Amino acid sequence: MFNQGGKPSSQWRREVDLYIYTTEVDEIFENLKDRVEVIEEPNDRFYGMREFIIRDINRLWVTFGQVSAFALLLNAVHTGDIETIQSLVDGAKFNPNQLTQALNEVTSGEYKNDNIAELLIKAGAALPLTIDDQVLQRYAGQYKSDSGMAVEIIALDGKLSAKPNDEGSIPLIAVDEVTFKPIHHDNVTVIFRIENGTTAGFEFHDGHQVTQLKRV
């Protein structure tokens, strides 16, 4: 992968990446971690991959990645593949938020499936919190970061969604009154910042990276 606007290899944004697909990303990390410079330990990314990053002897970044268990779970939910879902919840260690996100998908809309919902509840899923509509309405508006990232937060019919950079709308589910997660992105979190009773902005957490957005 060649990065437009890249910087020297010693800096955070590189001019070139080597990306290696695997099916054993955690095993490879355990084998390499004491013999190389580790940039990022294994973590699930918002685009459905589980990755870790090292530097090679030429100071270039090498990323190892595989499709995350959460991405596989959501795909099975969308295709109604109960057998795969059962296998995943038996073998993978999903956190409660991941199971709740999957359950939210099958309780209404085009993916509604009572059998899958029952399976997920048995695995530990719970329906997401319901937040008062007046609270959600105070989050609605336009937000922007210093780097130019723009997001519109929409409150409609008792639900919250995000529309980044004029792209499609992404539903958000509540973790608590100020913390929300996109339905399809487990490693992303939105935390609203309240100052003097009004919404001043929010933090966008993507793995280890945090971006501050101000209300405009």
N, C-alpha and C. Protein backbone atom coordinates (compact mmCIF):
# COMPACT_ATOMS: atom_id res chain seq x y z
N MET A 1 0.85 -1.18 0.00
CA MET A 1 0.00 0.00 0.00
C MET A 1 0.89 1.24 0.00
N PHE A 2 0.71 2.10 -1.00
CA PHE A 2 1.44 3.36 -1.06
C PHE A 2 0.54 4.47 -0.53
N ASN A 3 1.05 5.25 0.42
CA ASN A 3 0.24 6.26 1.09
C ASN A 3 0.48 7.64 0.51
N GLN A 4 -0.59 8.26 -0.01
CA GLN A 4 -0.49 9.61 -0.52
C GLN A 4 -0.19 10.57 0.63
N GLY A 5 0.75 11.48 0.44
CA GLY A 5 1.10 12.42 1.49
C GLY A 5 1.89 11.78 2.61
N GLY A 6 2.55 10.66 2.33
CA GLY A 6 3.29 9.95 3.36
C GLY A 6 4.52 10.71 3.84
N LYS A 7 5.05 10.27 4.99
CA LYS A 7 6.21 10.88 5.60
C LYS A 7 7.29 9.81 5.79
N PRO A 8 8.50 10.21 6.20
CA PRO A 8 9.55 9.21 6.40
C PRO A 8 9.12 8.08 7.33
N SER A 9 9.73 6.92 7.16
CA SER A 9 9.30 5.70 7.84
C SER A 9 9.35 5.80 9.35
N SER A 10 10.18 6.70 9.88
CA SER A 10 10.31 6.82 11.33
C SER A 10 9.13 7.56 11.94
N GLN A 11 8.28 8.19 11.13
CA GLN A 11 7.14 8.93 11.65
C GLN A 11 5.88 8.06 11.61
N TRP A 12 4.79 8.63 12.18
CA TRP A 12 3.57 7.83 12.35
C TRP A 12 2.96 7.43 11.02
N ARG A 13 2.81 8.38 10.09
CA ARG A 13 2.23 8.07 8.78
C ARG A 13 3.36 7.72 7.84
N ARG A 14 3.31 6.53 7.22
CA ARG A 14 4.42 6.04 6.41
C ARG A 14 4.20 6.30 4.93
N GLU A 15 5.28 6.25 4.16
CA GLU A 15 5.15 6.40 2.71
C GLU A 15 4.78 5.09 2.02
N VAL A 16 5.01 3.96 2.70
CA VAL A 16 4.64 2.67 2.11
C VAL A 16 4.36 1.68 3.25
N ASP A 17 3.36 0.83 3.06
CA ASP A 17 3.04 -0.22 4.03
C ASP A 17 3.16 -1.58 3.35
N LEU A 18 3.60 -2.56 4.11
CA LEU A 18 3.48 -3.95 3.68
C LEU A 18 2.40 -4.59 4.54
N TYR A 19 1.35 -5.09 3.90
CA TYR A 19 0.22 -5.65 4.62
C TYR A 19 0.12 -7.13 4.28
N ILE A 20 0.21 -7.97 5.32
CA ILE A 20 0.22 -9.42 5.12
C ILE A 20 -1.05 -10.02 5.70
N TYR A 21 -1.83 -10.68 4.86
CA TYR A 21 -3.05 -11.35 5.32
C TYR A 21 -2.70 -12.74 5.87
N THR A 22 -3.36 -13.09 6.99
CA THR A 22 -3.10 -14.38 7.62
C THR A 22 -4.38 -14.88 8.28
N THR A 23 -4.36 -16.10 8.76
CA THR A 23 -5.48 -16.63 9.54
C THR A 23 -5.04 -16.92 10.98
N GLU A 24 -3.81 -16.50 11.35
CA GLU A 24 -3.26 -16.79 12.68
C GLU A 24 -2.55 -15.57 13.24
N VAL A 25 -3.23 -14.43 13.24
CA VAL A 25 -2.57 -13.18 13.58
C VAL A 25 -2.06 -13.18 15.02
N ASP A 26 -2.82 -13.71 15.97
CA ASP A 26 -2.37 -13.70 17.37
C ASP A 26 -1.19 -14.64 17.59
N GLU A 27 -1.20 -15.80 16.92
CA GLU A 27 -0.09 -16.74 17.04
C GLU A 27 1.20 -16.15 16.47
N ILE A 28 1.08 -15.45 15.33
CA ILE A 28 2.26 -14.83 14.73
C ILE A 28 2.81 -13.74 15.64
N PHE A 29 1.91 -12.96 16.25
CA PHE A 29 2.37 -11.91 17.16
C PHE A 29 3.15 -12.50 18.33
N GLU A 30 2.64 -13.57 18.92
CA GLU A 30 3.32 -14.20 20.05
C GLU A 30 4.71 -14.68 19.65
N ASN A 31 4.85 -15.13 18.41
CA ASN A 31 6.13 -15.63 17.92
C ASN A 31 7.13 -14.50 17.64
N LEU A 32 6.62 -13.31 17.28
CA LEU A 32 7.50 -12.22 16.83
C LEU A 32 7.77 -11.16 17.91
N LYS A 33 6.87 -11.02 18.87
CA LYS A 33 6.85 -9.83 19.73
C LYS A 33 8.14 -9.56 20.48
N ASP A 34 8.90 -10.60 20.82
CA ASP A 34 10.14 -10.39 21.58
C ASP A 34 11.36 -10.25 20.67
N ARG A 35 11.15 -10.27 19.34
CA ARG A 35 12.28 -10.24 18.42
C ARG A 35 12.23 -9.06 17.45
N VAL A 36 11.18 -8.24 17.55
CA VAL A 36 11.03 -7.10 16.64
C VAL A 36 10.54 -5.89 17.43
N GLU A 37 10.54 -4.73 16.78
CA GLU A 37 9.95 -3.53 17.37
C GLU A 37 8.45 -3.55 17.09
N VAL A 38 7.66 -3.60 18.15
CA VAL A 38 6.20 -3.64 18.00
C VAL A 38 5.65 -2.22 18.01
N ILE A 39 4.88 -1.86 16.99
CA ILE A 39 4.24 -0.56 16.92
C ILE A 39 2.85 -0.61 17.54
N GLU A 40 2.08 -1.63 17.17
CA GLU A 40 0.76 -1.84 17.76
C GLU A 40 0.55 -3.32 18.02
N GLU A 41 0.07 -3.66 19.20
CA GLU A 41 -0.27 -5.04 19.52
C GLU A 41 -1.58 -5.41 18.84
N PRO A 42 -1.95 -6.69 18.80
CA PRO A 42 -3.19 -7.09 18.12
C PRO A 42 -4.41 -6.33 18.64
N ASN A 43 -5.18 -5.79 17.70
CA ASN A 43 -6.43 -5.10 18.05
C ASN A 43 -7.38 -5.17 16.87
N ASP A 44 -8.67 -5.08 17.16
CA ASP A 44 -9.70 -5.14 16.13
C ASP A 44 -9.94 -3.74 15.58
N ARG A 45 -9.90 -3.61 14.27
CA ARG A 45 -10.07 -2.32 13.61
C ARG A 45 -11.52 -2.14 13.17
N PHE A 46 -11.92 -0.88 12.94
CA PHE A 46 -13.32 -0.61 12.61
C PHE A 46 -13.72 -1.18 11.26
N TYR A 47 -12.74 -1.48 10.38
CA TYR A 47 -13.06 -2.00 9.05
C TYR A 47 -13.08 -3.53 9.02
N GLY A 48 -13.14 -4.17 10.21
CA GLY A 48 -13.39 -5.60 10.26
C GLY A 48 -12.16 -6.48 10.26
N MET A 49 -10.97 -5.89 10.49
CA MET A 49 -9.74 -6.68 10.53
C MET A 49 -9.14 -6.66 11.94
N ARG A 50 -8.47 -7.75 12.30
CA ARG A 50 -7.68 -7.81 13.53
C ARG A 50 -6.22 -7.74 13.10
N GLU A 51 -5.47 -6.76 13.64
CA GLU A 51 -4.14 -6.47 13.11
C GLU A 51 -3.13 -6.22 14.22
N PHE A 52 -1.84 -6.39 13.87
CA PHE A 52 -0.75 -5.82 14.66
C PHE A 52 0.29 -5.29 13.70
N ILE A 53 1.12 -4.35 14.18
CA ILE A 53 2.10 -3.67 13.32
C ILE A 53 3.48 -3.75 13.96
N ILE A 54 4.49 -4.06 13.13
CA ILE A 54 5.88 -4.04 13.56
C ILE A 54 6.70 -3.18 12.61
N ARG A 55 7.94 -2.85 13.00
CA ARG A 55 8.90 -2.24 12.06
C ARG A 55 9.91 -3.30 11.65
N ASP A 56 10.29 -3.27 10.38
CA ASP A 56 11.34 -4.18 9.94
C ASP A 56 12.70 -3.48 10.08
N ILE A 57 13.77 -4.15 9.68
CA ILE A 57 15.12 -3.59 9.88
C ILE A 57 15.38 -2.37 9.00
N ASN A 58 14.54 -2.15 7.98
CA ASN A 58 14.65 -0.96 7.13
C ASN A 58 13.78 0.19 7.63
N ARG A 59 13.17 0.01 8.81
CA ARG A 59 12.32 1.01 9.45
C ARG A 59 10.96 1.15 8.79
N LEU A 60 10.59 0.22 7.90
CA LEU A 60 9.26 0.24 7.32
C LEU A 60 8.28 -0.52 8.20
N TRP A 61 7.01 -0.13 8.15
CA TRP A 61 5.98 -0.80 8.91
C TRP A 61 5.48 -2.03 8.18
N VAL A 62 5.29 -3.10 8.93
CA VAL A 62 4.70 -4.33 8.39
C VAL A 62 3.48 -4.65 9.24
N THR A 63 2.32 -4.75 8.58
CA THR A 63 1.07 -5.06 9.28
C THR A 63 0.63 -6.47 8.94
N PHE A 64 0.30 -7.24 9.97
CA PHE A 64 -0.29 -8.56 9.80
C PHE A 64 -1.76 -8.45 10.17
N GLY A 65 -2.66 -8.99 9.34
CA GLY A 65 -4.08 -8.84 9.62
C GLY A 65 -4.90 -10.03 9.17
N GLN A 66 -6.01 -10.25 9.87
CA GLN A 66 -6.99 -11.25 9.47
C GLN A 66 -8.37 -10.71 9.78
N VAL A 67 -9.38 -11.27 9.13
CA VAL A 67 -10.76 -10.85 9.39
C VAL A 67 -11.07 -11.13 10.85
N SER A 68 -11.62 -10.14 11.55
CA SER A 68 -11.89 -10.29 12.98
C SER A 68 -13.08 -11.21 13.21
N ALA A 69 -13.11 -11.82 14.39
CA ALA A 69 -14.24 -12.69 14.76
C ALA A 69 -15.54 -11.92 14.77
N PHE A 70 -15.49 -10.64 15.17
CA PHE A 70 -16.69 -9.82 15.21
C PHE A 70 -17.24 -9.59 13.80
N ALA A 71 -16.35 -9.33 12.84
CA ALA A 71 -16.79 -9.15 11.46
C ALA A 71 -17.42 -10.43 10.92
N LEU A 72 -16.84 -11.58 11.26
CA LEU A 72 -17.41 -12.86 10.85
C LEU A 72 -18.78 -13.07 11.48
N LEU A 73 -18.94 -12.66 12.76
CA LEU A 73 -20.21 -12.80 13.44
C LEU A 73 -21.29 -11.96 12.77
N LEU A 74 -20.98 -10.69 12.46
CA LEU A 74 -21.97 -9.83 11.82
C LEU A 74 -22.34 -10.35 10.44
N ASN A 75 -21.36 -10.85 9.70
CA ASN A 75 -21.66 -11.41 8.38
C ASN A 75 -22.61 -12.60 8.50
N ALA A 76 -22.38 -13.46 9.51
CA ALA A 76 -23.26 -14.61 9.71
C ALA A 76 -24.65 -14.17 10.14
N VAL A 77 -24.73 -13.10 10.94
CA VAL A 77 -26.02 -12.54 11.34
C VAL A 77 -26.79 -12.06 10.12
N HIS A 78 -26.09 -11.36 9.22
CA HIS A 78 -26.75 -10.80 8.03
C HIS A 78 -27.17 -11.87 7.04
N THR A 79 -26.50 -13.01 7.03
CA THR A 79 -26.87 -14.09 6.11
C THR A 79 -27.76 -15.14 6.77
N GLY A 80 -28.03 -14.96 8.08
CA GLY A 80 -28.88 -15.92 8.79
C GLY A 80 -28.23 -17.27 9.01
N ASP A 81 -26.90 -17.29 9.08
CA ASP A 81 -26.15 -18.54 9.21
C ASP A 81 -26.04 -18.93 10.69
N ILE A 82 -27.06 -19.61 11.20
CA ILE A 82 -27.11 -19.95 12.63
C ILE A 82 -25.97 -20.88 13.03
N GLU A 83 -25.62 -21.81 12.15
CA GLU A 83 -24.55 -22.77 12.47
C GLU A 83 -23.22 -22.05 12.71
N THR A 84 -22.90 -21.09 11.84
CA THR A 84 -21.66 -20.33 12.01
C THR A 84 -21.71 -19.47 13.25
N ILE A 85 -22.85 -18.85 13.53
CA ILE A 85 -23.00 -18.03 14.73
C ILE A 85 -22.76 -18.88 15.98
N GLN A 86 -23.36 -20.07 16.01
CA GLN A 86 -23.17 -20.95 17.16
C GLN A 86 -21.71 -21.31 17.33
N SER A 87 -21.03 -21.61 16.23
CA SER A 87 -19.62 -21.96 16.29
C SER A 87 -18.78 -20.79 16.79
N LEU A 88 -19.11 -19.58 16.34
CA LEU A 88 -18.35 -18.40 16.75
C LEU A 88 -18.55 -18.09 18.23
N VAL A 89 -19.79 -18.12 18.71
CA VAL A 89 -20.03 -17.77 20.12
C VAL A 89 -19.48 -18.86 21.04
N ASP A 90 -19.35 -20.09 20.53
CA ASP A 90 -18.75 -21.16 21.33
C ASP A 90 -17.23 -21.03 21.41
N GLY A 91 -16.62 -20.53 20.31
CA GLY A 91 -15.16 -20.54 20.23
C GLY A 91 -14.48 -19.21 20.45
N ALA A 92 -15.15 -18.09 20.14
CA ALA A 92 -14.53 -16.77 20.25
C ALA A 92 -14.92 -16.10 21.56
N LYS A 93 -14.07 -15.19 22.02
CA LYS A 93 -14.33 -14.46 23.26
C LYS A 93 -14.88 -13.08 22.92
N PHE A 94 -16.19 -13.01 22.73
CA PHE A 94 -16.83 -11.73 22.43
C PHE A 94 -17.14 -10.99 23.73
N ASN A 95 -16.94 -9.67 23.72
CA ASN A 95 -17.32 -8.90 24.89
C ASN A 95 -18.81 -8.58 24.83
N PRO A 96 -19.42 -8.16 25.94
CA PRO A 96 -20.86 -7.90 25.96
C PRO A 96 -21.33 -6.90 24.92
N ASN A 97 -20.50 -5.85 24.65
CA ASN A 97 -20.90 -4.86 23.66
C ASN A 97 -21.00 -5.46 22.26
N GLN A 98 -20.08 -6.36 21.92
CA GLN A 98 -20.12 -7.01 20.62
C GLN A 98 -21.39 -7.84 20.45
N LEU A 99 -21.72 -8.59 21.48
CA LEU A 99 -22.93 -9.42 21.42
C LEU A 99 -24.19 -8.55 21.36
N THR A 100 -24.17 -7.44 22.09
CA THR A 100 -25.30 -6.52 22.05
C THR A 100 -25.47 -5.91 20.67
N GLN A 101 -24.36 -5.55 20.02
CA GLN A 101 -24.43 -5.01 18.67
C GLN A 101 -25.02 -6.03 17.71
N ALA A 102 -24.62 -7.27 17.83
CA ALA A 102 -25.16 -8.33 16.97
C ALA A 102 -26.65 -8.54 17.26
N LEU A 103 -27.03 -8.53 18.54
CA LEU A 103 -28.43 -8.72 18.91
C LEU A 103 -29.29 -7.58 18.37
N ASN A 104 -28.77 -6.36 18.41
CA ASN A 104 -29.51 -5.22 17.90
C ASN A 104 -29.87 -5.40 16.43
N GLU A 105 -29.00 -6.08 15.67
CA GLU A 105 -29.24 -6.30 14.25
C GLU A 105 -30.43 -7.22 13.98
N VAL A 106 -30.68 -8.17 14.89
CA VAL A 106 -31.70 -9.19 14.60
C VAL A 106 -33.00 -8.98 15.37
N THR A 107 -33.13 -7.83 16.03
CA THR A 107 -34.37 -7.58 16.78
C THR A 107 -35.34 -6.70 16.00
N SER A 108 -34.90 -6.12 14.88
CA SER A 108 -35.78 -5.31 14.04
C SER A 108 -35.17 -5.16 12.67
N GLY A 109 -35.95 -4.68 11.72
CA GLY A 109 -35.43 -4.41 10.39
C GLY A 109 -35.26 -5.64 9.53
N GLU A 110 -34.45 -5.52 8.47
CA GLU A 110 -34.34 -6.57 7.46
C GLU A 110 -33.66 -7.84 7.97
N TYR A 111 -32.90 -7.76 9.07
CA TYR A 111 -32.19 -8.95 9.58
C TYR A 111 -32.90 -9.57 10.79
N LYS A 112 -34.12 -9.15 11.06
CA LYS A 112 -34.85 -9.67 12.22
C LYS A 112 -34.92 -11.19 12.17
N ASN A 113 -34.52 -11.83 13.27
CA ASN A 113 -34.48 -13.30 13.34
C ASN A 113 -34.57 -13.71 14.81
N ASP A 114 -35.73 -14.23 15.21
CA ASP A 114 -35.95 -14.57 16.61
C ASP A 114 -35.04 -15.71 17.08
N ASN A 115 -34.74 -16.66 16.19
CA ASN A 115 -33.88 -17.79 16.57
C ASN A 115 -32.45 -17.33 16.86
N ILE A 116 -31.94 -16.44 16.01
CA ILE A 116 -30.59 -15.91 16.24
C ILE A 116 -30.58 -15.04 17.49
N ALA A 117 -31.64 -14.25 17.69
CA ALA A 117 -31.72 -13.42 18.89
C ALA A 117 -31.66 -14.28 20.15
N GLU A 118 -32.39 -15.39 20.16
CA GLU A 118 -32.38 -16.29 21.32
C GLU A 118 -30.99 -16.86 21.55
N LEU A 119 -30.31 -17.23 20.48
CA LEU A 119 -28.97 -17.79 20.59
C LEU A 119 -28.01 -16.76 21.19
N LEU A 120 -28.10 -15.52 20.72
CA LEU A 120 -27.20 -14.46 21.20
C LEU A 120 -27.48 -14.11 22.66
N ILE A 121 -28.75 -14.11 23.05
CA ILE A 121 -29.10 -13.83 24.45
C ILE A 121 -28.54 -14.91 25.36
N LYS A 122 -28.61 -16.17 24.93
CA LYS A 122 -28.03 -17.25 25.72
C LYS A 122 -26.52 -17.10 25.85
N ALA A 123 -25.89 -16.47 24.86
CA ALA A 123 -24.44 -16.26 24.89
C ALA A 123 -24.04 -15.05 25.72
N GLY A 124 -25.05 -14.27 26.18
CA GLY A 124 -24.74 -13.14 27.04
C GLY A 124 -25.11 -11.78 26.49
N ALA A 125 -25.78 -11.75 25.34
CA ALA A 125 -26.16 -10.46 24.75
C ALA A 125 -27.34 -9.85 25.50
N ALA A 126 -27.39 -8.52 25.51
CA ALA A 126 -28.51 -7.79 26.10
C ALA A 126 -28.88 -6.66 25.15
N LEU A 127 -30.16 -6.32 25.11
CA LEU A 127 -30.58 -5.22 24.25
C LEU A 127 -29.90 -3.93 24.69
N PRO A 128 -29.55 -3.05 23.73
CA PRO A 128 -28.87 -1.80 24.10
C PRO A 128 -29.75 -0.91 24.97
N LEU A 129 -29.09 0.00 25.68
CA LEU A 129 -29.81 0.93 26.55
C LEU A 129 -30.73 1.83 25.73
N THR A 130 -31.83 2.21 26.34
CA THR A 130 -32.72 3.19 25.74
C THR A 130 -32.45 4.54 26.40
N ILE A 131 -32.07 5.53 25.59
CA ILE A 131 -31.76 6.87 26.09
C ILE A 131 -32.91 7.81 25.76
N ASP A 132 -33.29 8.64 26.72
CA ASP A 132 -34.38 9.58 26.54
C ASP A 132 -34.15 10.44 25.30
N ASP A 133 -35.21 10.65 24.53
CA ASP A 133 -35.09 11.38 23.27
C ASP A 133 -34.60 12.81 23.48
N GLN A 134 -34.94 13.42 24.61
CA GLN A 134 -34.47 14.78 24.88
C GLN A 134 -32.96 14.83 25.03
N VAL A 135 -32.39 13.76 25.60
CA VAL A 135 -30.93 13.68 25.72
C VAL A 135 -30.31 13.52 24.34
N LEU A 136 -30.89 12.66 23.51
CA LEU A 136 -30.35 12.45 22.17
C LEU A 136 -30.41 13.72 21.33
N GLN A 137 -31.50 14.48 21.48
CA GLN A 137 -31.66 15.70 20.68
C GLN A 137 -30.55 16.71 20.96
N ARG A 138 -30.03 16.75 22.19
CA ARG A 138 -28.99 17.74 22.49
C ARG A 138 -27.65 17.38 21.84
N TYR A 139 -27.52 16.13 21.35
CA TYR A 139 -26.30 15.74 20.65
C TYR A 139 -26.36 16.05 19.16
N ALA A 140 -27.57 16.27 18.63
CA ALA A 140 -27.73 16.48 17.18
C ALA A 140 -27.03 17.77 16.74
N GLY A 141 -26.36 17.70 15.60
CA GLY A 141 -25.69 18.88 15.08
C GLY A 141 -24.46 18.53 14.27
N GLN A 142 -23.71 19.56 13.89
CA GLN A 142 -22.50 19.42 13.07
C GLN A 142 -21.27 19.51 13.96
N TYR A 143 -20.29 18.64 13.68
CA TYR A 143 -19.04 18.60 14.44
C TYR A 143 -17.86 18.57 13.47
N LYS A 144 -16.74 19.13 13.91
CA LYS A 144 -15.56 19.16 13.05
C LYS A 144 -14.29 19.11 13.89
N SER A 145 -13.27 18.38 13.37
CA SER A 145 -11.97 18.31 14.04
C SER A 145 -11.02 19.33 13.44
N ASP A 146 -9.91 19.58 14.11
CA ASP A 146 -8.90 20.52 13.60
C ASP A 146 -8.29 20.05 12.28
N SER A 147 -8.32 18.72 12.05
CA SER A 147 -7.75 18.18 10.82
C SER A 147 -8.73 18.18 9.65
N GLY A 148 -9.98 18.63 9.90
CA GLY A 148 -10.96 18.73 8.82
C GLY A 148 -11.99 17.62 8.79
N MET A 149 -11.90 16.66 9.71
CA MET A 149 -12.91 15.61 9.78
C MET A 149 -14.25 16.22 10.18
N ALA A 150 -15.30 15.96 9.39
CA ALA A 150 -16.63 16.53 9.66
C ALA A 150 -17.65 15.42 9.86
N VAL A 151 -18.48 15.56 10.89
CA VAL A 151 -19.50 14.55 11.20
C VAL A 151 -20.80 15.26 11.57
N GLU A 152 -21.89 14.78 11.00
CA GLU A 152 -23.21 15.24 11.43
C GLU A 152 -23.83 14.17 12.31
N ILE A 153 -24.27 14.57 13.50
CA ILE A 153 -24.98 13.66 14.40
C ILE A 153 -26.48 13.91 14.25
N ILE A 154 -27.22 12.84 14.02
CA ILE A 154 -28.66 12.94 13.75
C ILE A 154 -29.42 12.19 14.84
N ALA A 155 -30.42 12.84 15.44
CA ALA A 155 -31.31 12.22 16.42
C ALA A 155 -32.70 12.13 15.80
N LEU A 156 -33.20 10.91 15.61
CA LEU A 156 -34.47 10.72 14.94
C LEU A 156 -35.17 9.47 15.48
N ASP A 157 -36.43 9.62 15.87
CA ASP A 157 -37.24 8.50 16.34
C ASP A 157 -36.58 7.75 17.50
N GLY A 158 -35.99 8.51 18.42
CA GLY A 158 -35.39 7.90 19.59
C GLY A 158 -34.09 7.17 19.35
N LYS A 159 -33.46 7.42 18.20
CA LYS A 159 -32.20 6.77 17.86
C LYS A 159 -31.19 7.81 17.39
N LEU A 160 -29.91 7.46 17.56
CA LEU A 160 -28.82 8.35 17.18
C LEU A 160 -28.04 7.73 16.03
N SER A 161 -27.59 8.56 15.09
CA SER A 161 -26.75 8.08 14.00
C SER A 161 -25.72 9.15 13.65
N ALA A 162 -24.64 8.71 12.98
CA ALA A 162 -23.56 9.61 12.58
C ALA A 162 -23.42 9.58 11.07
N LYS A 163 -23.19 10.75 10.50
CA LYS A 163 -22.99 10.86 9.05
C LYS A 163 -21.67 11.57 8.81
N PRO A 164 -20.56 10.80 8.64
CA PRO A 164 -19.24 11.43 8.48
C PRO A 164 -19.00 11.92 7.06
N ASN A 165 -18.51 13.17 6.95
CA ASN A 165 -18.07 13.73 5.67
C ASN A 165 -19.08 13.52 4.55
N ASP A 166 -20.38 13.75 4.84
CA ASP A 166 -21.46 13.64 3.84
C ASP A 166 -21.59 12.24 3.26
N GLU A 167 -21.15 11.21 3.99
CA GLU A 167 -21.30 9.84 3.53
C GLU A 167 -22.60 9.26 4.11
N GLY A 168 -22.79 7.95 4.02
CA GLY A 168 -24.00 7.32 4.52
C GLY A 168 -24.12 7.40 6.02
N SER A 169 -25.35 7.29 6.50
CA SER A 169 -25.63 7.37 7.93
C SER A 169 -25.28 6.06 8.63
N ILE A 170 -24.63 6.15 9.81
CA ILE A 170 -24.20 4.99 10.58
C ILE A 170 -24.95 4.97 11.90
N PRO A 171 -25.80 3.96 12.16
CA PRO A 171 -26.53 3.90 13.43
C PRO A 171 -25.57 3.74 14.61
N LEU A 172 -25.91 4.40 15.73
CA LEU A 172 -25.14 4.31 16.96
C LEU A 172 -26.01 3.67 18.04
N ILE A 173 -25.39 2.85 18.89
CA ILE A 173 -26.11 2.29 20.03
C ILE A 173 -25.44 2.77 21.32
N ALA A 174 -26.26 2.91 22.37
CA ALA A 174 -25.79 3.52 23.61
C ALA A 174 -25.09 2.50 24.50
N VAL A 175 -23.93 2.91 25.02
CA VAL A 175 -23.25 2.18 26.08
C VAL A 175 -23.65 2.77 27.43
N ASP A 176 -23.69 4.11 27.48
CA ASP A 176 -24.26 4.84 28.60
C ASP A 176 -24.80 6.15 28.04
N GLU A 177 -25.13 7.11 28.88
CA GLU A 177 -25.82 8.31 28.39
C GLU A 177 -24.95 9.17 27.49
N VAL A 178 -23.63 9.09 27.58
CA VAL A 178 -22.77 9.93 26.74
C VAL A 178 -21.88 9.11 25.80
N THR A 179 -21.91 7.80 25.92
CA THR A 179 -21.02 6.93 25.15
C THR A 179 -21.82 6.07 24.18
N PHE A 180 -21.39 6.08 22.90
CA PHE A 180 -22.11 5.34 21.87
C PHE A 180 -21.11 4.62 20.96
N LYS A 181 -21.59 3.53 20.35
CA LYS A 181 -20.76 2.76 19.45
C LYS A 181 -21.50 2.52 18.14
N PRO A 182 -20.80 2.64 16.99
CA PRO A 182 -21.43 2.27 15.72
C PRO A 182 -21.79 0.79 15.73
N ILE A 183 -22.93 0.44 15.15
CA ILE A 183 -23.40 -0.94 15.19
C ILE A 183 -22.39 -1.90 14.58
N HIS A 184 -21.75 -1.51 13.48
CA HIS A 184 -20.91 -2.46 12.75
C HIS A 184 -19.42 -2.31 13.05
N HIS A 185 -19.04 -1.41 13.96
CA HIS A 185 -17.62 -1.16 14.21
C HIS A 185 -17.33 -1.29 15.70
N ASP A 186 -16.81 -2.44 16.11
CA ASP A 186 -16.65 -2.69 17.54
C ASP A 186 -15.56 -1.84 18.17
N ASN A 187 -14.50 -1.51 17.44
CA ASN A 187 -13.36 -0.84 18.04
C ASN A 187 -13.46 0.68 17.97
N VAL A 188 -14.64 1.19 17.64
CA VAL A 188 -14.86 2.63 17.53
C VAL A 188 -15.85 3.06 18.61
N THR A 189 -15.55 4.18 19.28
CA THR A 189 -16.43 4.70 20.33
C THR A 189 -16.56 6.21 20.18
N VAL A 190 -17.76 6.71 20.39
CA VAL A 190 -18.05 8.14 20.38
C VAL A 190 -18.44 8.55 21.80
N ILE A 191 -17.71 9.51 22.38
CA ILE A 191 -18.00 9.96 23.74
C ILE A 191 -18.28 11.47 23.70
N PHE A 192 -19.51 11.85 23.98
CA PHE A 192 -19.89 13.26 23.94
C PHE A 192 -19.36 14.01 25.15
N ARG A 193 -18.97 15.25 24.90
CA ARG A 193 -18.41 16.10 25.95
C ARG A 193 -19.42 17.20 26.30
N ILE A 194 -19.87 17.21 27.54
CA ILE A 194 -20.86 18.17 28.00
C ILE A 194 -20.17 19.24 28.85
N GLU A 195 -20.40 20.50 28.50
CA GLU A 195 -19.84 21.62 29.25
C GLU A 195 -20.95 22.62 29.56
N ASN A 196 -21.13 22.91 30.84
CA ASN A 196 -22.15 23.86 31.30
C ASN A 196 -23.54 23.50 30.77
N GLY A 197 -23.82 22.19 30.74
CA GLY A 197 -25.15 21.74 30.36
C GLY A 197 -25.41 21.64 28.87
N THR A 198 -24.42 21.97 28.04
CA THR A 198 -24.60 21.88 26.59
C THR A 198 -23.51 20.99 25.99
N THR A 199 -23.77 20.45 24.80
CA THR A 199 -22.83 19.56 24.13
C THR A 199 -21.77 20.39 23.42
N ALA A 200 -20.51 20.26 23.85
CA ALA A 200 -19.42 21.04 23.28
C ALA A 200 -18.71 20.30 22.15
N GLY A 201 -18.81 18.97 22.15
CA GLY A 201 -18.12 18.19 21.13
C GLY A 201 -18.14 16.73 21.51
N PHE A 202 -17.30 15.94 20.84
CA PHE A 202 -17.17 14.54 21.23
C PHE A 202 -15.78 14.02 20.87
N GLU A 203 -15.39 12.94 21.56
CA GLU A 203 -14.15 12.23 21.25
C GLU A 203 -14.47 11.05 20.36
N PHE A 204 -13.68 10.89 19.30
CA PHE A 204 -13.83 9.74 18.40
C PHE A 204 -12.66 8.81 18.66
N HIS A 205 -12.94 7.66 19.29
CA HIS A 205 -11.91 6.68 19.60
C HIS A 205 -11.90 5.59 18.54
N ASP A 206 -10.77 5.41 17.89
CA ASP A 206 -10.59 4.35 16.90
C ASP A 206 -9.35 3.56 17.29
N GLY A 207 -9.56 2.45 18.01
CA GLY A 207 -8.42 1.71 18.53
C GLY A 207 -7.66 2.58 19.52
N HIS A 208 -6.38 2.78 19.24
CA HIS A 208 -5.54 3.58 20.14
C HIS A 208 -5.56 5.07 19.78
N GLN A 209 -6.22 5.45 18.70
CA GLN A 209 -6.22 6.83 18.25
C GLN A 209 -7.47 7.56 18.73
N VAL A 210 -7.30 8.80 19.18
CA VAL A 210 -8.41 9.61 19.67
C VAL A 210 -8.41 10.93 18.90
N THR A 211 -9.57 11.27 18.31
CA THR A 211 -9.73 12.54 17.59
C THR A 211 -10.78 13.37 18.31
N GLN A 212 -10.45 14.64 18.56
CA GLN A 212 -11.38 15.56 19.21
C GLN A 212 -12.16 16.34 18.16
N LEU A 213 -13.48 16.30 18.27
CA LEU A 213 -14.33 17.08 17.37
C LEU A 213 -15.13 18.10 18.18
N LYS A 214 -15.23 19.34 17.65
CA LYS A 214 -15.95 20.42 18.31
C LYS A 214 -17.28 20.65 17.58
N ARG A 215 -18.28 21.02 18.34
CA ARG A 215 -19.56 21.37 17.74
C ARG A 215 -19.41 22.71 17.01
N VAL A 216 -19.95 22.82 15.81
CA VAL A 216 -19.78 24.05 15.01
C VAL A 216 -21.14 24.63 14.64
